[in-house]
C-alpha atoms as a PDB file:
ATOM      1  CA  MET A   1     -18.437  -5.975   7.119  1.00  0.00           C
ATOM      2  CA  LYS A   2     -14.845  -6.070   6.277  1.00  0.00           C
ATOM      3  CA  THR A   3     -12.811  -8.487   4.437  1.00  0.00           C
ATOM      4  CA  LEU A   4      -9.132  -9.464   4.983  1.00  0.00           C
ATOM      5  CA  VAL A   5      -7.336  -9.066   1.701  1.00  0.00           C
ATOM      6  CA  ALA A   6      -3.906 -10.592   1.335  1.00  0.00           C
ATOM      7  CA  PHE A   7      -1.390  -9.343  -1.182  1.00  0.00           C
ATOM      8  CA  LEU A   8       1.630 -11.568  -2.213  1.00  0.00           C
ATOM      9  CA  PHE A   9       4.278  -9.367  -3.591  1.00  0.00           C
ATOM     10  CA  LEU A  10       8.128  -9.934  -4.021  1.00  0.00           C
ATOM     11  CA  GLY A  11       8.267 -12.848  -1.678  1.00  0.00           C
ATOM     12  CA  SER A  12       6.349 -11.372   1.214  1.00  0.00           C
ATOM     13  CA  LEU A  13       2.823 -11.225   2.376  1.00  0.00           C
ATOM     14  CA  GLY A  14       1.101  -7.985   2.976  1.00  0.00           C
ATOM     15  CA  LEU A  15      -2.316  -7.919   4.706  1.00  0.00           C
ATOM     16  CA  ALA A  16      -4.825  -5.174   4.696  1.00  0.00           C
ATOM     17  CA  TRP A  17      -8.554  -4.711   5.756  1.00  0.00           C
ATOM     18  CA  CYS A  18     -10.672  -3.541   2.920  1.00  0.00           C
ATOM     19  CA  ASN A  19     -14.254  -3.158   2.434  1.00  0.00           C
ATOM     20  CA  PRO A  20     -15.764  -5.229  -0.396  1.00  0.00           C
ATOM     21  CA  GLY A  21     -15.769  -3.216  -3.566  1.00  0.00           C
ATOM     22  CA  ALA A  22     -13.196  -0.896  -2.423  1.00  0.00           C
ATOM     23  CA  PHE A  23     -13.002   2.589  -4.135  1.00  0.00           C
ATOM     24  CA  ASN A  24      -9.921   3.898  -5.502  1.00  0.00           C
ATOM     25  CA  ILE A  25      -9.723   7.385  -3.807  1.00  0.00           C
ATOM     26  CA  ALA A  26      -7.196   8.697  -6.459  1.00  0.00           C
ATOM     27  CA  ARG A  27      -9.970   8.802  -9.087  1.00  0.00           C
ATOM     28  CA  THR A  28     -11.602  11.759  -7.308  1.00  0.00           C
ATOM     29  CA  GLY A  29      -8.547  13.720  -6.703  1.00  0.00           C
ATOM     30  CA  GLU A  30      -6.426  16.293  -8.437  1.00  0.00           C
ATOM     31  CA  ALA A  31      -2.865  15.548  -9.564  1.00  0.00           C
ATOM     32  CA  SER A  32       0.139  17.917 -10.048  1.00  0.00           C
ATOM     33  CA  GLN A  33       3.847  17.252 -10.634  1.00  0.00           C
ATOM     34  CA  SER A  34       7.128  19.128 -10.554  1.00  0.00           C
ATOM     35  CA  SER A  35       7.295  19.513 -14.490  1.00  0.00           C
ATOM     36  CA  ASP A  36       5.532  18.200 -17.684  1.00  0.00           C
ATOM     37  CA  TYR A  37       7.814  16.312 -20.090  1.00  0.00           C
ATOM     38  CA  TYR A  38       7.183  17.137 -23.816  1.00  0.00           C
ATOM     39  CA  GLY A  39       8.120  13.938 -25.793  1.00  0.00           C
ATOM     40  CA  GLY A  40       7.478  14.003 -29.514  1.00  0.00           C
ATOM     41  CA  THR A  41       3.802  14.580 -30.006  1.00  0.00           C
ATOM     42  CA  SER A  42       2.845  13.784 -26.482  1.00  0.00           C
ATOM     43  CA  VAL A  43       2.687  15.591 -23.177  1.00  0.00           C
ATOM     44  CA  SER A  44       2.948  13.560 -20.081  1.00  0.00           C
ATOM     45  CA  TYR A  45       0.515  15.437 -17.714  1.00  0.00           C
ATOM     46  CA  ALA A  46       0.163  14.476 -13.943  1.00  0.00           C
ATOM     47  CA  TYR A  47      -3.538  13.542 -14.350  1.00  0.00           C
ATOM     48  CA  LYS A  48      -2.552  10.479 -16.424  1.00  0.00           C
ATOM     49  CA  ALA A  49      -1.566   8.528 -13.298  1.00  0.00           C
ATOM     50  CA  ILE A  50      -5.215   8.546 -11.928  1.00  0.00           C
ATOM     51  CA  ASP A  51      -6.932   7.913 -15.231  1.00  0.00           C
ATOM     52  CA  SER A  52      -7.576   4.226 -14.331  1.00  0.00           C
ATOM     53  CA  VAL A  53      -5.572   3.164 -17.385  1.00  0.00           C
ATOM     54  CA  LYS A  54      -3.027   0.505 -16.221  1.00  0.00           C
ATOM     55  CA  ASP A  55      -1.045   0.514 -19.485  1.00  0.00           C
ATOM     56  CA  THR A  56       2.665   0.638 -18.237  1.00  0.00           C
ATOM     57  CA  ASN A  57       4.246   1.459 -21.609  1.00  0.00           C
ATOM     58  CA  TRP A  58       4.888   5.167 -21.635  1.00  0.00           C
ATOM     59  CA  LEU A  59       4.960   5.175 -25.515  1.00  0.00           C
ATOM     60  CA  ASN A  60       1.245   4.454 -25.529  1.00  0.00           C
ATOM     61  CA  GLY A  61       0.525   7.804 -23.793  1.00  0.00           C
ATOM     62  CA  PHE A  62      -1.038   6.839 -20.537  1.00  0.00           C
ATOM     63  CA  CYS A  63       1.983   7.522 -18.047  1.00  0.00           C
ATOM     64  CA  THR A  64       3.084  10.693 -16.428  1.00  0.00           C
ATOM     65  CA  HIS A  65       6.614  12.136 -17.046  1.00  0.00           C
ATOM     66  CA  THR A  66       8.659  14.915 -15.598  1.00  0.00           C
ATOM     67  CA  ASN A  67      11.760  16.601 -16.818  1.00  0.00           C
ATOM     68  CA  ASN A  68      15.007  15.647 -15.122  1.00  0.00           C
ATOM     69  CA  ASP A  69      14.076  17.441 -11.911  1.00  0.00           C
ATOM     70  CA  LEU A  70      15.802  17.656  -8.563  1.00  0.00           C
ATOM     71  CA  PRO A  71      13.942  16.441  -6.693  1.00  0.00           C
ATOM     72  CA  PRO A  72      11.166  15.077  -9.073  1.00  0.00           C
ATOM     73  CA  TRP A  73       7.671  14.809  -7.404  1.00  0.00           C
ATOM     74  CA  TRP A  74       4.176  13.971  -8.300  1.00  0.00           C
ATOM     75  CA  ARG A  75       1.284  14.760  -5.914  1.00  0.00           C
ATOM     76  CA  LEU A  76      -2.428  13.784  -5.443  1.00  0.00           C
ATOM     77  CA  ASP A  77      -4.786  16.126  -3.608  1.00  0.00           C
ATOM     78  CA  MET A  78      -7.486  13.872  -2.505  1.00  0.00           C
ATOM     79  CA  LYS A  79      -9.554  17.029  -1.486  1.00  0.00           C
ATOM     80  CA  HIS A  80     -10.395  15.575   1.980  1.00  0.00           C
ATOM     81  CA  LYS A  81      -8.453  13.704   4.732  1.00  0.00           C
ATOM     82  CA  TYR A  82      -8.293   9.905   4.533  1.00  0.00           C
ATOM     83  CA  LYS A  83      -6.884   7.093   6.502  1.00  0.00           C
ATOM     84  CA  VAL A  84      -4.754   5.599   3.770  1.00  0.00           C
ATOM     85  CA  LYS A  85      -4.387   1.856   4.124  1.00  0.00           C
ATOM     86  CA  ILE A  86      -3.023   0.820   0.670  1.00  0.00           C
ATOM     87  CA  VAL A  87      -1.146   2.607  -2.130  1.00  0.00           C
ATOM     88  CA  ILE A  88      -0.363   0.857  -5.445  1.00  0.00           C
ATOM     89  CA  LEU A  89       2.332   2.469  -7.586  1.00  0.00           C
ATOM     90  CA  SER A  90       2.746   1.487 -11.120  1.00  0.00           C
ATOM     91  CA  GLY A  91       5.744   2.633 -13.112  1.00  0.00           C
ATOM     92  CA  ARG A  92       6.987   1.932 -16.592  1.00  0.00           C
ATOM     93  CA  SER A  93       7.734  -1.586 -18.045  1.00  0.00           C
ATOM     94  CA  ASP A  94       9.321  -0.336 -21.160  1.00  0.00           C
ATOM     95  CA  GLY A  95      12.790  -0.247 -20.214  1.00  0.00           C
ATOM     96  CA  ALA A  96      12.850   2.744 -17.500  1.00  0.00           C
ATOM     97  CA  MET A  97      11.652   0.815 -14.341  1.00  0.00           C
ATOM     98  CA  GLN A  98      14.979   1.878 -12.760  1.00  0.00           C
ATOM     99  CA  ARG A  99      13.893   5.498 -12.725  1.00  0.00           C
ATOM    100  CA  LEU A 100      11.519   4.706  -9.792  1.00  0.00           C
ATOM    101  CA  MET A 101      14.320   3.394  -7.628  1.00  0.00           C
ATOM    102  CA  ASP A 102      14.252   5.162  -4.223  1.00  0.00           C
ATOM    103  CA  ALA A 103      11.042   6.908  -4.783  1.00  0.00           C
ATOM    104  CA  GLU A 104       9.237   7.531  -1.502  1.00  0.00           C
ATOM    105  CA  VAL A 105       5.490   7.545  -1.112  1.00  0.00           C
ATOM    106  CA  ARG A 106       4.470  10.110   1.334  1.00  0.00           C
ATOM    107  CA  ILE A 107       1.096  10.809   3.002  1.00  0.00           C
ATOM    108  CA  GLY A 108       0.035  13.837   5.076  1.00  0.00           C
ATOM    109  CA  ASN A 109      -1.539  17.298   5.193  1.00  0.00           C
ATOM    110  CA  SER A 110       1.306  19.299   3.827  1.00  0.00           C
ATOM    111  CA  PRO A 111       0.843  20.499   0.150  1.00  0.00           C
ATOM    112  CA  ASP A 112       4.728  20.818  -0.253  1.00  0.00           C
ATOM    113  CA  ASN A 113       5.393  17.076  -0.062  1.00  0.00           C
ATOM    114  CA  ASN A 114       7.037  17.265   3.391  1.00  0.00           C
ATOM    115  CA  ASN A 115       5.027  14.460   4.646  1.00  0.00           C
ATOM    116  CA  PRO A 116       5.771  11.065   6.540  1.00  0.00           C
ATOM    117  CA  VAL A 117       6.987   8.333   4.453  1.00  0.00           C
ATOM    118  CA  CYS A 118       4.686   5.356   3.957  1.00  0.00           C
ATOM    119  CA  GLY A 119       7.159   3.392   1.831  1.00  0.00           C
ATOM    120  CA  LYS A 120      10.159   3.480  -0.580  1.00  0.00           C
ATOM    121  CA  VAL A 121      10.777   1.615  -3.724  1.00  0.00           C
ATOM    122  CA  THR A 122      13.619  -0.589  -3.019  1.00  0.00           C
ATOM    123  CA  GLN A 123      13.450  -3.142  -5.799  1.00  0.00           C
ATOM    124  CA  ILE A 124      12.571  -2.720  -9.402  1.00  0.00           C
ATOM    125  CA  THR A 125      11.835  -6.319 -10.669  1.00  0.00           C
ATOM    126  CA  ASP A 126       8.186  -5.404 -11.255  1.00  0.00           C
ATOM    127  CA  PRO A 127       6.608  -2.144 -12.457  1.00  0.00           C
ATOM    128  CA  THR A 128       4.054  -2.208  -9.753  1.00  0.00           C
ATOM    129  CA  THR A 129       4.673  -1.800  -6.012  1.00  0.00           C
ATOM    130  CA  THR A 130       2.069  -2.100  -3.200  1.00  0.00           C
ATOM    131  CA  PHE A 131       2.503  -0.269  -0.094  1.00  0.00           C
ATOM    132  CA  SER A 132       0.649  -0.947   3.289  1.00  0.00           C
ATOM    133  CA  CYS A 133       0.200   2.398   4.879  1.00  0.00           C
ATOM    134  CA  TYR A 134      -1.714   1.277   7.919  1.00  0.00           C
ATOM    135  CA  GLY A 135      -4.234   4.011   8.096  1.00  0.00           C
ATOM    136  CA  MET A 136      -1.791   7.054   7.782  1.00  0.00           C
ATOM    137  CA  GLU A 137      -3.991  10.204   7.787  1.00  0.00           C
ATOM    138  CA  GLY A 138      -3.656  12.949   5.310  1.00  0.00           C
ATOM    139  CA  ARG A 139      -5.149  14.845   2.345  1.00  0.00           C
ATOM    140  CA  TYR A 140      -2.028  14.479   0.069  1.00  0.00           C
ATOM    141  CA  VAL A 141      -0.250  11.376  -1.386  1.00  0.00           C
ATOM    142  CA  SER A 142       3.069  12.224  -2.915  1.00  0.00           C
ATOM    143  CA  VAL A 143       5.792  10.265  -4.727  1.00  0.00           C
ATOM    144  CA  VAL A 144       9.248  11.955  -4.432  1.00  0.00           C
ATOM    145  CA  ILE A 145      12.754  10.922  -5.458  1.00  0.00           C
ATOM    146  CA  PRO A 146      14.643  12.932  -2.922  1.00  0.00           C
ATOM    147  CA  VAL A 147      18.163  11.691  -3.547  1.00  0.00           C
ATOM    148  CA  ARG A 148      18.967  12.552  -7.083  1.00  0.00           C
ATOM    149  CA  ALA A 149      18.044  14.358 -10.218  1.00  0.00           C
ATOM    150  CA  GLU A 150      15.729  12.102 -12.223  1.00  0.00           C
ATOM    151  CA  PHE A 151      12.883  11.766 -14.583  1.00  0.00           C
ATOM    152  CA  LEU A 152       9.725  10.599 -12.574  1.00  0.00           C
ATOM    153  CA  SER A 153       7.177   8.567 -14.521  1.00  0.00           C
ATOM    154  CA  ILE A 154       4.151   7.061 -13.025  1.00  0.00           C
ATOM    155  CA  CYS A 155       1.641   4.970 -15.087  1.00  0.00           C
ATOM    156  CA  GLU A 156      -1.060   4.497 -12.384  1.00  0.00           C
ATOM    157  CA  LEU A 157      -1.327   5.344  -8.776  1.00  0.00           C
ATOM    158  CA  GLU A 158      -4.312   3.796  -6.563  1.00  0.00           C
ATOM    159  CA  VAL A 159      -5.165   4.861  -3.095  1.00  0.00           C
ATOM    160  CA  TYR A 160      -7.438   2.773  -0.818  1.00  0.00           C
ATOM    161  CA  GLY A 161      -8.707   3.783   2.642  1.00  0.00           C
ATOM    162  CA  ASP A 162     -11.372   5.405   4.625  1.00  0.00           C
ATOM    163  CA  PRO A 163     -12.536   9.133   5.101  1.00  0.00           C
ATOM    164  CA  VAL A 164     -11.612  10.968   8.166  1.00  0.00           C
ATOM    165  CA  SER A 165     -14.450  12.544   9.875  1.00  0.00           C
ATOM    166  CA  ASP A 166     -14.173  16.172  10.815  1.00  0.00           C
ATOM    167  CA  VAL A 167     -16.987  15.960  13.010  1.00  0.00           C
ATOM    168  CA  THR A 168     -16.265  16.622  16.611  1.00  0.00           C
ATOM    169  CA  TYR A 169     -18.478  14.834  19.240  1.00  0.00           C
ATOM    170  CA  TYR A 170     -19.337  16.273  22.579  1.00  0.00           C
END
């Protein structure tokens, strides 16, 4: 049995079909990023975006952070193909939200981040952006800022969808 879930964000209504008790696929994946930023006594590794801690203050140590890369990227290998319905991207709330502007969420089977775009960050009034990906298929979810050199910082990334069966029926 499926339930219709409505998301109200930034003045528009997004709808998605989700199973009750939806499972965050990102938790079982493996994260990587273009570089690791060393700040003070902390290193902002890629796995921090899938640790289930939704603290959006980078100073508390639960967010990723790259160096000033061109282009900066962060990638999730989900280990299997999924039909991705929803991606929730949470950036920083401690004065660096603007760094996520123009970030693209990409989904597909290419490990080099050259996949179709599900959505793009076009507003930075809230650290969390929800993307409806309408069942885009792929093994990888990437966040890329293709237009400029930037520090990319993600505090949490959640992925919801359904597995794609590799079984062929005759």
